[in-house]
C-alpha cells in the first residue's frame, strides 16, 4: 500500500518536469490543454490547478498589427534582445485557421528560426480555430503553463487587427499595436477602438527609404492619441519608431514596458486588471462550454430548426426560446 502511495503518477511527473523548466514537458502540457478530448481536458484541468500557485509572476505582452507589418520578425528580434539580457521568453503565436478546412499554417517556428534555437526561448504556434480576437481558445491556459515553467516574459502574437482584438487585451498586462510606416489617409484605416486599446504604438520598418515615412506616421499617430482619453490614469500611450532588421528601438521599447509594469503595479491597477481578466475568463469558459453542450444535445433537431429559420418558416426568436427551454429542462 505504501509503495503505491509513493509511486509518482504521469501527472505528477509532468508537473515536476514543467516546474523544472523542461521544454518537452511544457510542449506536452500545452498539447494536453489544447486537446478537445474530454479525458484530456479532465487531466488538463487537474494539471492547471496544480500549476496555478506557480503562475502570475511574468510580464504578459500582447502584440497585434495589420498583416505585413512584420510582427514575427520584430518578435524574434525582441525575443533575442530579451534572452540576451537573461530573461526566459515564451512566444504564443496564433495562426489563422481556414474557415473552409479548419487548417492553419503554423509557420512561426520557421519565421523565427533564430529564436526557436535559443535555449531560453519557447515558441508555440497554435491554430486560432476561428476564435474571435485572433487568439486561440486555450491561449490563456498555455500562458499559465509557460509561467509555471519559469518563463518570465510571455509574448502573445495575434492573427491581426480586428474589432475583436479586445480578446487579447483581456489576457495580457500590456497591449502593443504595431503599425507600418504610413500616414495621412492610412490613419483612417486604423480603427479607433484598436488605438484606444493600445498601451504602446510601435512603428516598425523605420529604416532605409521608409524612415522618413515612419517619422511622419509617428507624428500622425501621436496627434491622434492626444485626442483620445487615456486607457488608464497612470499611463500615457506613446509612439516609438523601431527597426527589427537593424535592432533599433528595442531597448527603448523594453524601457517603456518596464515603466508601464512599474506604474501599473504601484497604482494597484495591475492586480485589479488581472482579477477582472480571471473573472472574464471564467464567463468565457461558461459561454463556450454551454454552446458546446447545446450543439451536441440534439443535433438533428437543431439542424431542422435552423432550416426552418433559414426558410422563413419559424421566427428566429421563437426558435431560440424553444431550444433554450428544451435545453434547460
C-alpha atoms as a PDB file:
ATOM      1  CA  UNK A   1       0.000   0.000   0.000  1.00  0.00           C
ATOM      2  CA  UNK A   2       2.769   2.467   0.984  1.00  0.00           C
ATOM      3  CA  UNK A   3       4.699   1.610  -2.174  1.00  0.00           C
ATOM      4  CA  UNK A   4       1.701   2.513  -4.338  1.00  0.00           C
ATOM      5  CA  UNK A   5       1.278   5.791  -2.479  1.00  0.00           C
ATOM      6  CA  UNK A   6       4.921   6.670  -3.101  1.00  0.00           C
ATOM      7  CA  UNK A   7       4.762   5.963  -6.821  1.00  0.00           C
ATOM      8  CA  UNK A   8       4.502   9.070  -8.982  1.00  0.00           C
ATOM      9  CA  UNK A   9       1.659   9.254 -11.469  1.00  0.00           C
ATOM     10  CA  UNK A  10       2.109  10.502 -15.047  1.00  0.00           C
ATOM     11  CA  UNK A  11       0.518  13.786 -13.964  1.00  0.00           C
ATOM     12  CA  UNK A  12       2.971  14.095 -11.048  1.00  0.00           C
ATOM     13  CA  UNK A  13       5.900  13.591 -13.404  1.00  0.00           C
ATOM     14  CA  UNK A  14       4.541  16.094 -15.932  1.00  0.00           C
ATOM     15  CA  UNK A  15       4.021  18.684 -13.205  1.00  0.00           C
ATOM     16  CA  UNK A  16       7.539  18.168 -11.841  1.00  0.00           C
ATOM     17  CA  UNK A  17       9.127  18.423 -15.287  1.00  0.00           C
ATOM     18  CA  UNK A  18       7.231  21.612 -16.077  1.00  0.00           C
ATOM     19  CA  UNK A  19       8.278  23.237 -12.801  1.00  0.00           C
ATOM     20  CA  UNK A  20      11.909  22.393 -13.558  1.00  0.00           C
ATOM     21  CA  UNK A  21      11.596  24.084 -16.952  1.00  0.00           C
ATOM     22  CA  UNK A  22      11.773  21.087 -19.290  1.00  0.00           C
ATOM     23  CA  UNK A  23      10.637  22.288 -22.713  1.00  0.00           C
ATOM     24  CA  UNK A  24       9.416  18.867 -23.844  1.00  0.00           C
ATOM     25  CA  UNK A  25       7.131  18.683 -20.808  1.00  0.00           C
ATOM     26  CA  UNK A  26       5.919  22.222 -21.497  1.00  0.00           C
ATOM     27  CA  UNK A  27       5.034  21.328 -25.095  1.00  0.00           C
ATOM     28  CA  UNK A  28       3.284  18.146 -23.927  1.00  0.00           C
ATOM     29  CA  UNK A  29       1.241  20.098 -21.373  1.00  0.00           C
ATOM     30  CA  UNK A  30       0.092  22.669 -23.913  1.00  0.00           C
ATOM     31  CA  UNK A  31      -0.903  19.873 -26.304  1.00  0.00           C
ATOM     32  CA  UNK A  32      -2.946  18.375 -23.461  1.00  0.00           C
ATOM     33  CA  UNK A  33      -4.562  21.740 -22.721  1.00  0.00           C
ATOM     34  CA  UNK A  34      -5.436  22.292 -26.390  1.00  0.00           C
ATOM     35  CA  UNK A  35      -6.919  18.824 -26.891  1.00  0.00           C
ATOM     36  CA  UNK A  36     -10.649  18.601 -27.457  1.00  0.00           C
ATOM     37  CA  UNK A  37     -10.945  15.130 -25.913  1.00  0.00           C
ATOM     38  CA  UNK A  38     -12.936  15.033 -22.688  1.00  0.00           C
ATOM     39  CA  UNK A  39     -10.410  12.808 -20.880  1.00  0.00           C
ATOM     40  CA  UNK A  40      -7.545  15.082 -21.921  1.00  0.00           C
ATOM     41  CA  UNK A  41      -9.442  18.142 -20.729  1.00  0.00           C
ATOM     42  CA  UNK A  42     -10.064  16.492 -17.357  1.00  0.00           C
ATOM     43  CA  UNK A  43      -6.328  15.857 -16.962  1.00  0.00           C
ATOM     44  CA  UNK A  44      -5.506  19.366 -18.193  1.00  0.00           C
ATOM     45  CA  UNK A  45      -7.734  20.950 -15.556  1.00  0.00           C
ATOM     46  CA  UNK A  46      -6.084  18.891 -12.796  1.00  0.00           C
ATOM     47  CA  UNK A  47      -2.677  19.981 -14.056  1.00  0.00           C
ATOM     48  CA  UNK A  48      -3.669  23.665 -14.245  1.00  0.00           C
ATOM     49  CA  UNK A  49      -4.977  23.553 -10.673  1.00  0.00           C
ATOM     50  CA  UNK A  50      -1.576  22.255  -9.515  1.00  0.00           C
ATOM     51  CA  UNK A  51       0.392  24.801 -11.547  1.00  0.00           C
ATOM     52  CA  UNK A  52      -1.710  27.841 -10.658  1.00  0.00           C
ATOM     53  CA  UNK A  53       0.250  28.693  -7.459  1.00  0.00           C
ATOM     54  CA  UNK A  54       3.405  28.969  -9.616  1.00  0.00           C
ATOM     55  CA  UNK A  55       1.899  31.465 -12.098  1.00  0.00           C
ATOM     56  CA  UNK A  56       1.306  35.197 -12.239  1.00  0.00           C
ATOM     57  CA  UNK A  57       4.903  36.409 -11.979  1.00  0.00           C
ATOM     58  CA  UNK A  58       5.601  37.008 -15.679  1.00  0.00           C
ATOM     59  CA  UNK A  59       5.231  40.103 -17.827  1.00  0.00           C
ATOM     60  CA  UNK A  60       2.351  39.404 -20.232  1.00  0.00           C
ATOM     61  CA  UNK A  61       2.538  41.234 -23.561  1.00  0.00           C
ATOM     62  CA  UNK A  62       0.111  41.128 -26.478  1.00  0.00           C
ATOM     63  CA  UNK A  63       1.261  42.107 -29.992  1.00  0.00           C
ATOM     64  CA  UNK A  64      -1.124  42.882 -32.806  1.00  0.00           C
ATOM     65  CA  UNK A  65      -0.978  44.672 -36.133  1.00  0.00           C
ATOM     66  CA  UNK A  66      -2.021  44.544 -39.737  1.00  0.00           C
ATOM     67  CA  UNK A  67      -0.700  41.682 -41.914  1.00  0.00           C
ATOM     68  CA  UNK A  68       2.702  42.537 -43.366  1.00  0.00           C
ATOM     69  CA  UNK A  69       3.691  44.890 -40.558  1.00  0.00           C
ATOM     70  CA  UNK A  70       6.465  42.485 -39.550  1.00  0.00           C
ATOM     71  CA  UNK A  71       5.175  41.144 -36.233  1.00  0.00           C
ATOM     72  CA  UNK A  72       7.049  37.840 -36.411  1.00  0.00           C
ATOM     73  CA  UNK A  73      10.323  39.481 -37.483  1.00  0.00           C
ATOM     74  CA  UNK A  74      10.008  42.045 -34.711  1.00  0.00           C
ATOM     75  CA  UNK A  75       9.067  39.477 -32.055  1.00  0.00           C
ATOM     76  CA  UNK A  76      12.090  37.349 -32.986  1.00  0.00           C
ATOM     77  CA  UNK A  77      14.428  40.348 -32.725  1.00  0.00           C
ATOM     78  CA  UNK A  78      12.805  41.486 -29.477  1.00  0.00           C
ATOM     79  CA  UNK A  79      12.861  37.950 -28.054  1.00  0.00           C
ATOM     80  CA  UNK A  80      16.590  37.613 -28.769  1.00  0.00           C
ATOM     81  CA  UNK A  81      17.132  41.043 -27.226  1.00  0.00           C
ATOM     82  CA  UNK A  82      15.388  39.875 -24.034  1.00  0.00           C
ATOM     83  CA  UNK A  83      17.098  36.459 -23.783  1.00  0.00           C
ATOM     84  CA  UNK A  84      20.394  38.254 -24.269  1.00  0.00           C
ATOM     85  CA  UNK A  85      19.605  40.098 -21.038  1.00  0.00           C
ATOM     86  CA  UNK A  86      18.949  36.945 -19.078  1.00  0.00           C
ATOM     87  CA  UNK A  87      15.188  36.614 -19.495  1.00  0.00           C
ATOM     88  CA  UNK A  88      13.267  33.467 -20.399  1.00  0.00           C
ATOM     89  CA  UNK A  89      10.809  34.258 -23.184  1.00  0.00           C
ATOM     90  CA  UNK A  90       7.756  32.300 -24.306  1.00  0.00           C
ATOM     91  CA  UNK A  91       6.049  33.188 -27.584  1.00  0.00           C
ATOM     92  CA  UNK A  92       2.493  32.009 -28.134  1.00  0.00           C
ATOM     93  CA  UNK A  93       1.889  32.684 -31.810  1.00  0.00           C
ATOM     94  CA  UNK A  94      -1.650  32.184 -33.056  1.00  0.00           C
ATOM     95  CA  UNK A  95      -2.046  31.239 -36.719  1.00  0.00           C
ATOM     96  CA  UNK A  96      -5.312  31.902 -38.523  1.00  0.00           C
ATOM     97  CA  UNK A  97      -7.377  28.782 -39.200  1.00  0.00           C
ATOM     98  CA  UNK A  98      -9.022  28.334 -42.565  1.00  0.00           C
ATOM     99  CA  UNK A  99     -12.781  28.857 -42.353  1.00  0.00           C
ATOM    100  CA  UNK A 100     -13.260  26.250 -45.082  1.00  0.00           C
ATOM    101  CA  UNK A 101     -10.891  23.493 -43.947  1.00  0.00           C
ATOM    102  CA  UNK A 102     -10.085  24.356 -40.333  1.00  0.00           C
ATOM    103  CA  UNK A 103      -6.373  24.007 -41.122  1.00  0.00           C
ATOM    104  CA  UNK A 104      -3.650  26.507 -40.325  1.00  0.00           C
ATOM    105  CA  UNK A 105      -0.078  27.127 -41.445  1.00  0.00           C
ATOM    106  CA  UNK A 106       1.625  27.078 -38.017  1.00  0.00           C
ATOM    107  CA  UNK A 107       4.761  28.550 -39.523  1.00  0.00           C
ATOM    108  CA  UNK A 108       6.062  30.761 -36.738  1.00  0.00           C
ATOM    109  CA  UNK A 109       8.914  28.428 -35.816  1.00  0.00           C
ATOM    110  CA  UNK A 110      10.082  28.751 -39.406  1.00  0.00           C
ATOM    111  CA  UNK A 111       9.703  32.532 -39.372  1.00  0.00           C
ATOM    112  CA  UNK A 112      11.509  32.766 -36.005  1.00  0.00           C
ATOM    113  CA  UNK A 113      14.319  30.343 -36.783  1.00  0.00           C
ATOM    114  CA  UNK A 114      16.982  32.013 -34.628  1.00  0.00           C
ATOM    115  CA  UNK A 115      14.726  32.467 -31.619  1.00  0.00           C
ATOM    116  CA  UNK A 116      13.460  28.871 -31.847  1.00  0.00           C
ATOM    117  CA  UNK A 117      17.051  27.652 -31.345  1.00  0.00           C
ATOM    118  CA  UNK A 118      17.599  29.843 -28.280  1.00  0.00           C
ATOM    119  CA  UNK A 119      17.623  27.634 -25.119  1.00  0.00           C
ATOM    120  CA  UNK A 120      15.966  30.457 -23.143  1.00  0.00           C
ATOM    121  CA  UNK A 121      13.050  30.801 -25.559  1.00  0.00           C
ATOM    122  CA  UNK A 122       9.987  28.694 -26.237  1.00  0.00           C
ATOM    123  CA  UNK A 123       7.782  29.177 -29.295  1.00  0.00           C
ATOM    124  CA  UNK A 124       4.378  27.579 -29.566  1.00  0.00           C
ATOM    125  CA  UNK A 125       2.284  28.169 -32.692  1.00  0.00           C
ATOM    126  CA  UNK A 126      -1.398  27.344 -32.217  1.00  0.00           C
ATOM    127  CA  UNK A 127      -4.342  27.442 -34.627  1.00  0.00           C
ATOM    128  CA  UNK A 128      -6.925  30.101 -33.816  1.00  0.00           C
ATOM    129  CA  UNK A 129      -9.704  27.659 -34.653  1.00  0.00           C
ATOM    130  CA  UNK A 130     -11.782  30.561 -35.900  1.00  0.00           C
ATOM    131  CA  UNK A 131     -11.846  32.112 -32.422  1.00  0.00           C
ATOM    132  CA  UNK A 132     -12.675  35.806 -32.419  1.00  0.00           C
ATOM    133  CA  UNK A 133      -9.965  38.155 -31.252  1.00  0.00           C
ATOM    134  CA  UNK A 134      -7.137  36.415 -33.056  1.00  0.00           C
ATOM    135  CA  UNK A 135      -6.279  34.202 -30.096  1.00  0.00           C
ATOM    136  CA  UNK A 136      -6.767  30.501 -29.621  1.00  0.00           C
ATOM    137  CA  UNK A 137      -9.355  29.472 -27.060  1.00  0.00           C
ATOM    138  CA  UNK A 138      -6.679  27.845 -24.901  1.00  0.00           C
ATOM    139  CA  UNK A 139      -4.097  30.638 -25.136  1.00  0.00           C
ATOM    140  CA  UNK A 140      -4.811  31.675 -21.539  1.00  0.00           C
ATOM    141  CA  UNK A 141      -4.079  28.190 -20.229  1.00  0.00           C
ATOM    142  CA  UNK A 142      -0.933  27.907 -22.361  1.00  0.00           C
ATOM    143  CA  UNK A 143       0.248  31.217 -20.910  1.00  0.00           C
ATOM    144  CA  UNK A 144      -0.177  29.891 -17.352  1.00  0.00           C
ATOM    145  CA  UNK A 145       1.766  26.708 -18.155  1.00  0.00           C
ATOM    146  CA  UNK A 146       4.625  28.813 -19.581  1.00  0.00           C
ATOM    147  CA  UNK A 147       4.689  30.942 -16.427  1.00  0.00           C
ATOM    148  CA  UNK A 148       4.840  27.828 -14.235  1.00  0.00           C
ATOM    149  CA  UNK A 149       7.791  26.626 -16.333  1.00  0.00           C
ATOM    150  CA  UNK A 150       9.734  29.744 -15.367  1.00  0.00           C
ATOM    151  CA  UNK A 151       9.257  31.970 -18.413  1.00  0.00           C
ATOM    152  CA  UNK A 152       9.221  35.490 -17.004  1.00  0.00           C
ATOM    153  CA  UNK A 153       8.085  37.181 -20.230  1.00  0.00           C
ATOM    154  CA  UNK A 154       5.213  35.836 -22.328  1.00  0.00           C
ATOM    155  CA  UNK A 155       4.562  37.327 -25.772  1.00  0.00           C
ATOM    156  CA  UNK A 156       1.258  36.624 -27.497  1.00  0.00           C
ATOM    157  CA  UNK A 157       1.230  37.312 -31.229  1.00  0.00           C
ATOM    158  CA  UNK A 158      -2.289  37.643 -32.586  1.00  0.00           C
ATOM    159  CA  UNK A 159      -3.657  36.998 -36.059  1.00  0.00           C
ATOM    160  CA  UNK A 160      -4.106  40.661 -36.887  1.00  0.00           C
ATOM    161  CA  UNK A 161      -6.117  43.816 -36.321  1.00  0.00           C
ATOM    162  CA  UNK A 162      -9.862  43.393 -35.989  1.00  0.00           C
ATOM    163  CA  UNK A 163     -12.844  44.517 -33.965  1.00  0.00           C
ATOM    164  CA  UNK A 164     -12.474  41.554 -31.588  1.00  0.00           C
ATOM    165  CA  UNK A 165      -8.841  42.242 -30.630  1.00  0.00           C
ATOM    166  CA  UNK A 166     -10.222  43.084 -27.194  1.00  0.00           C
ATOM    167  CA  UNK A 167      -9.903  39.323 -26.567  1.00  0.00           C
ATOM    168  CA  UNK A 168      -6.108  39.525 -26.347  1.00  0.00           C
ATOM    169  CA  UNK A 169      -6.159  42.761 -24.354  1.00  0.00           C
ATOM    170  CA  UNK A 170      -8.244  40.880 -21.781  1.00  0.00           C
ATOM    171  CA  UNK A 171      -5.476  38.379 -21.060  1.00  0.00           C
ATOM    172  CA  UNK A 172      -2.277  40.461 -21.099  1.00  0.00           C
ATOM    173  CA  UNK A 173      -0.815  43.264 -18.999  1.00  0.00           C
ATOM    174  CA  UNK A 174       0.213  45.439 -21.908  1.00  0.00           C
ATOM    175  CA  UNK A 175      -1.230  45.682 -25.422  1.00  0.00           C
ATOM    176  CA  UNK A 176       1.247  46.712 -28.132  1.00  0.00           C
ATOM    177  CA  UNK A 177      -0.027  47.850 -31.510  1.00  0.00           C
ATOM    178  CA  UNK A 178       2.392  47.518 -34.428  1.00  0.00           C
ATOM    179  CA  UNK A 179       1.958  49.695 -37.500  1.00  0.00           C
ATOM    180  CA  UNK A 180       3.813  50.057 -40.780  1.00  0.00           C
ATOM    181  CA  UNK A 181       5.286  53.370 -41.975  1.00  0.00           C
ATOM    182  CA  UNK A 182       2.286  55.236 -43.335  1.00  0.00           C
ATOM    183  CA  UNK A 183       0.469  58.469 -42.709  1.00  0.00           C
ATOM    184  CA  UNK A 184      -2.251  60.738 -43.947  1.00  0.00           C
ATOM    185  CA  UNK A 185      -5.186  58.769 -45.362  1.00  0.00           C
ATOM    186  CA  UNK A 186      -3.793  55.482 -43.996  1.00  0.00           C
ATOM    187  CA  UNK A 187      -4.506  56.749 -40.481  1.00  0.00           C
ATOM    188  CA  UNK A 188      -8.209  56.473 -41.273  1.00  0.00           C
ATOM    189  CA  UNK A 189      -7.787  52.732 -41.851  1.00  0.00           C
ATOM    190  CA  UNK A 190      -6.854  52.084 -38.212  1.00  0.00           C
ATOM    191  CA  UNK A 191      -9.986  51.571 -36.155  1.00  0.00           C
ATOM    192  CA  UNK A 192     -10.358  53.956 -33.228  1.00  0.00           C
ATOM    193  CA  UNK A 193     -11.190  51.014 -30.945  1.00  0.00           C
ATOM    194  CA  UNK A 194      -7.801  49.417 -31.614  1.00  0.00           C
ATOM    195  CA  UNK A 195      -5.967  52.673 -30.965  1.00  0.00           C
ATOM    196  CA  UNK A 196      -7.812  53.083 -27.671  1.00  0.00           C
ATOM    197  CA  UNK A 197      -6.716  49.610 -26.561  1.00  0.00           C
ATOM    198  CA  UNK A 198      -3.025  50.275 -27.261  1.00  0.00           C
ATOM    199  CA  UNK A 199      -0.644  50.858 -24.346  1.00  0.00           C
ATOM    200  CA  UNK A 200       2.243  51.375 -26.766  1.00  0.00           C
ATOM    201  CA  UNK A 201       2.306  52.024 -30.513  1.00  0.00           C
ATOM    202  CA  UNK A 202       5.309  50.753 -32.475  1.00  0.00           C
ATOM    203  CA  UNK A 203       6.054  51.980 -35.992  1.00  0.00           C
ATOM    204  CA  UNK A 204       8.083  49.095 -37.403  1.00  0.00           C
ATOM    205  CA  UNK A 205      10.305  49.080 -40.508  1.00  0.00           C
ATOM    206  CA  UNK A 206      11.585  52.568 -39.681  1.00  0.00           C
ATOM    207  CA  UNK A 207      14.745  52.143 -41.721  1.00  0.00           C
ATOM    208  CA  UNK A 208      16.185  52.911 -45.156  1.00  0.00           C
ATOM    209  CA  UNK A 209      13.807  54.565 -47.592  1.00  0.00           C
ATOM    210  CA  UNK A 210      10.896  54.112 -45.176  1.00  0.00           C
ATOM    211  CA  UNK A 211      12.444  56.041 -42.286  1.00  0.00           C
ATOM    212  CA  UNK A 212      11.067  59.404 -43.405  1.00  0.00           C
ATOM    213  CA  UNK A 213       7.580  57.948 -43.857  1.00  0.00           C
ATOM    214  CA  UNK A 214       7.839  56.294 -40.448  1.00  0.00           C
ATOM    215  CA  UNK A 215       8.662  59.603 -38.761  1.00  0.00           C
ATOM    216  CA  UNK A 216       5.684  61.257 -40.417  1.00  0.00           C
ATOM    217  CA  UNK A 217       3.439  58.359 -39.386  1.00  0.00           C
ATOM    218  CA  UNK A 218       4.659  58.658 -35.801  1.00  0.00           C
ATOM    219  CA  UNK A 219       3.653  62.318 -35.765  1.00  0.00           C
ATOM    220  CA  UNK A 220       0.210  61.477 -37.151  1.00  0.00           C
ATOM    221  CA  UNK A 221      -0.419  58.760 -34.568  1.00  0.00           C
ATOM    222  CA  UNK A 222       0.817  60.921 -31.698  1.00  0.00           C
ATOM    223  CA  UNK A 223      -1.624  63.613 -32.743  1.00  0.00           C
ATOM    224  CA  UNK A 224      -4.442  61.039 -32.938  1.00  0.00           C
ATOM    225  CA  UNK A 225      -3.625  59.665 -29.478  1.00  0.00           C
ATOM    226  CA  UNK A 226      -3.787  63.135 -27.939  1.00  0.00           C
ATOM    227  CA  UNK A 227      -7.457  63.269 -28.930  1.00  0.00           C
ATOM    228  CA  UNK A 228      -8.263  60.040 -27.074  1.00  0.00           C
ATOM    229  CA  UNK A 229      -8.915  59.500 -23.403  1.00  0.00           C
ATOM    230  CA  UNK A 230      -6.057  57.611 -21.679  1.00  0.00           C
ATOM    231  CA  UNK A 231      -6.766  53.914 -21.172  1.00  0.00           C
ATOM    232  CA  UNK A 232      -5.570  54.080 -17.556  1.00  0.00           C
ATOM    233  CA  UNK A 233      -4.927  57.141 -15.409  1.00  0.00           C
ATOM    234  CA  UNK A 234      -1.337  56.201 -14.600  1.00  0.00           C
ATOM    235  CA  UNK A 235      -0.130  55.808 -18.193  1.00  0.00           C
ATOM    236  CA  UNK A 236       0.061  57.829 -21.402  1.00  0.00           C
ATOM    237  CA  UNK A 237       0.404  55.819 -24.622  1.00  0.00           C
ATOM    238  CA  UNK A 238       3.477  56.764 -26.626  1.00  0.00           C
ATOM    239  CA  UNK A 239       4.661  56.059 -30.177  1.00  0.00           C
ATOM    240  CA  UNK A 240       8.096  54.542 -30.793  1.00  0.00           C
ATOM    241  CA  UNK A 241       9.981  54.034 -34.065  1.00  0.00           C
ATOM    242  CA  UNK A 242      11.634  50.631 -34.478  1.00  0.00           C
ATOM    243  CA  UNK A 243      13.544  48.539 -36.986  1.00  0.00           C
ATOM    244  CA  UNK A 244      13.542  44.805 -36.330  1.00  0.00           C
ATOM    245  CA  UNK A 245      16.154  44.273 -39.056  1.00  0.00           C
ATOM    246  CA  UNK A 246      18.587  46.829 -37.629  1.00  0.00           C
ATOM    247  CA  UNK A 247      17.637  46.218 -33.990  1.00  0.00           C
ATOM    248  CA  UNK A 248      16.766  49.863 -33.441  1.00  0.00           C
ATOM    249  CA  UNK A 249      14.229  50.916 -30.836  1.00  0.00           C
ATOM    250  CA  UNK A 250      14.259  47.598 -28.939  1.00  0.00           C
ATOM    251  CA  UNK A 251      15.945  48.997 -25.830  1.00  0.00           C
ATOM    252  CA  UNK A 252      13.574  51.958 -25.716  1.00  0.00           C
ATOM    253  CA  UNK A 253      10.550  49.692 -26.122  1.00  0.00           C
ATOM    254  CA  UNK A 254      11.729  47.461 -23.253  1.00  0.00           C
ATOM    255  CA  UNK A 255      12.211  50.515 -21.023  1.00  0.00           C
ATOM    256  CA  UNK A 256       8.654  51.602 -21.830  1.00  0.00           C
ATOM    257  CA  UNK A 257       7.361  48.137 -20.941  1.00  0.00           C
ATOM    258  CA  UNK A 258       9.232  48.199 -17.623  1.00  0.00           C
ATOM    259  CA  UNK A 259       7.912  51.694 -16.882  1.00  0.00           C
ATOM    260  CA  UNK A 260       4.377  50.554 -17.683  1.00  0.00           C
ATOM    261  CA  UNK A 261       4.615  47.483 -15.434  1.00  0.00           C
ATOM    262  CA  UNK A 262       6.005  49.626 -12.624  1.00  0.00           C
ATOM    263  CA  UNK A 263       3.268  52.239 -12.934  1.00  0.00           C
ATOM    264  CA  UNK A 264       0.541  49.589 -13.072  1.00  0.00           C
ATOM    265  CA  UNK A 265       1.869  47.758 -10.002  1.00  0.00           C
ATOM    266  CA  UNK A 266       2.435  50.903  -7.940  1.00  0.00           C
ATOM    267  CA  UNK A 267      -1.097  52.145  -8.649  1.00  0.00           C
ATOM    268  CA  UNK A 268      -2.675  48.766  -7.853  1.00  0.00           C
ATOM    269  CA  UNK A 269      -4.258  48.669 -11.305  1.00  0.00           C
ATOM    270  CA  UNK A 270      -2.321  45.579 -12.422  1.00  0.00           C
ATOM    271  CA  UNK A 271      -3.729  43.417  -9.614  1.00  0.00           C
ATOM    272  CA  UNK A 272      -7.248  44.727 -10.267  1.00  0.00           C
ATOM    273  CA  UNK A 273      -6.911  44.138 -14.011  1.00  0.00           C
ATOM    274  CA  UNK A 274      -5.687  40.561 -13.619  1.00  0.00           C
ATOM    275  CA  UNK A 275      -8.558  39.808 -11.224  1.00  0.00           C
ATOM    276  CA  UNK A 276     -11.011  41.211 -13.770  1.00  0.00           C
ATOM    277  CA  UNK A 277      -9.389  39.163 -16.529  1.00  0.00           C
ATOM    278  CA  UNK A 278      -9.719  35.978 -14.462  1.00  0.00           C
ATOM    279  CA  UNK A 279     -13.442  36.621 -13.968  1.00  0.00           C
ATOM    280  CA  UNK A 280     -13.892  37.347 -17.691  1.00  0.00           C
ATOM    281  CA  UNK A 281     -12.028  34.109 -18.478  1.00  0.00           C
ATOM    282  CA  UNK A 282     -14.460  32.150 -16.288  1.00  0.00           C
ATOM    283  CA  UNK A 283     -17.509  33.605 -18.040  1.00  0.00           C
ATOM    284  CA  UNK A 284     -15.916  32.997 -21.436  1.00  0.00           C
ATOM    285  CA  UNK A 285     -15.462  29.336 -20.494  1.00  0.00           C
ATOM    286  CA  UNK A 286     -19.080  29.109 -19.319  1.00  0.00           C
ATOM    287  CA  UNK A 287     -20.229  30.506 -22.659  1.00  0.00           C
ATOM    288  CA  UNK A 288     -18.019  28.167 -24.710  1.00  0.00           C
ATOM    289  CA  UNK A 289     -18.923  25.058 -22.740  1.00  0.00           C
ATOM    290  CA  UNK A 290     -22.635  25.896 -22.790  1.00  0.00           C
ATOM    291  CA  UNK A 291     -22.517  26.337 -26.560  1.00  0.00           C
ATOM    292  CA  UNK A 292     -20.726  23.003 -26.994  1.00  0.00           C
ATOM    293  CA  UNK A 293     -23.278  21.234 -24.806  1.00  0.00           C
ATOM    294  CA  UNK A 294     -26.130  22.993 -26.585  1.00  0.00           C
ATOM    295  CA  UNK A 295     -24.965  21.981 -30.051  1.00  0.00           C
ATOM    296  CA  UNK A 296     -24.304  18.356 -29.124  1.00  0.00           C
ATOM    297  CA  UNK A 297     -27.521  17.748 -27.132  1.00  0.00           C
ATOM    298  CA  UNK A 298     -29.949  17.238 -30.035  1.00  0.00           C
ATOM    299  CA  UNK A 299     -28.047  17.858 -33.294  1.00  0.00           C
ATOM    300  CA  UNK A 300     -30.796  16.517 -35.572  1.00  0.00           C
ATOM    301  CA  UNK A 301     -33.487  18.708 -34.022  1.00  0.00           C
ATOM    302  CA  UNK A 302     -31.167  21.709 -34.053  1.00  0.00           C
ATOM    303  CA  UNK A 303     -30.462  21.226 -37.765  1.00  0.00           C
ATOM    304  CA  UNK A 304     -34.175  21.020 -38.554  1.00  0.00           C
ATOM    305  CA  UNK A 305     -34.988  24.163 -36.601  1.00  0.00           C
ATOM    306  CA  UNK A 306     -32.102  26.002 -38.269  1.00  0.00           C
ATOM    307  CA  UNK A 307     -33.554  25.070 -41.658  1.00  0.00           C
ATOM    308  CA  UNK A 308     -36.998  26.312 -40.612  1.00  0.00           C
ATOM    309  CA  UNK A 309     -35.493  29.642 -39.549  1.00  0.00           C
ATOM    310  CA  UNK A 310     -33.444  29.939 -42.757  1.00  0.00           C
ATOM    311  CA  UNK A 311     -36.543  29.204 -44.881  1.00  0.00           C
ATOM    312  CA  UNK A 312     -38.655  31.759 -43.044  1.00  0.00           C
ATOM    313  CA  UNK A 313     -40.981  29.166 -41.501  1.00  0.00           C
ATOM    314  CA  UNK A 314     -40.112  29.997 -37.890  1.00  0.00           C
ATOM    315  CA  UNK A 315     -39.117  33.357 -36.345  1.00  0.00           C
ATOM    316  CA  UNK A 316     -35.543  33.267 -35.017  1.00  0.00           C
ATOM    317  CA  UNK A 317     -36.622  34.444 -31.556  1.00  0.00           C
ATOM    318  CA  UNK A 318     -39.294  31.722 -31.338  1.00  0.00           C
ATOM    319  CA  UNK A 319     -36.782  29.050 -32.359  1.00  0.00           C
ATOM    320  CA  UNK A 320     -34.198  30.289 -29.857  1.00  0.00           C
ATOM    321  CA  UNK A 321     -36.712  30.332 -26.977  1.00  0.00           C
ATOM    322  CA  UNK A 322     -37.923  26.839 -27.858  1.00  0.00           C
ATOM    323  CA  UNK A 323     -34.407  25.374 -27.990  1.00  0.00           C
ATOM    324  CA  UNK A 324     -33.332  27.053 -24.751  1.00  0.00           C
ATOM    325  CA  UNK A 325     -36.490  25.878 -22.984  1.00  0.00           C
ATOM    326  CA  UNK A 326     -35.780  22.281 -24.014  1.00  0.00           C
ATOM    327  CA  UNK A 327     -32.090  22.597 -23.100  1.00  0.00           C
ATOM    328  CA  UNK A 328     -32.839  23.874 -19.590  1.00  0.00           C
ATOM    329  CA  UNK A 329     -35.312  21.118 -18.767  1.00  0.00           C
END
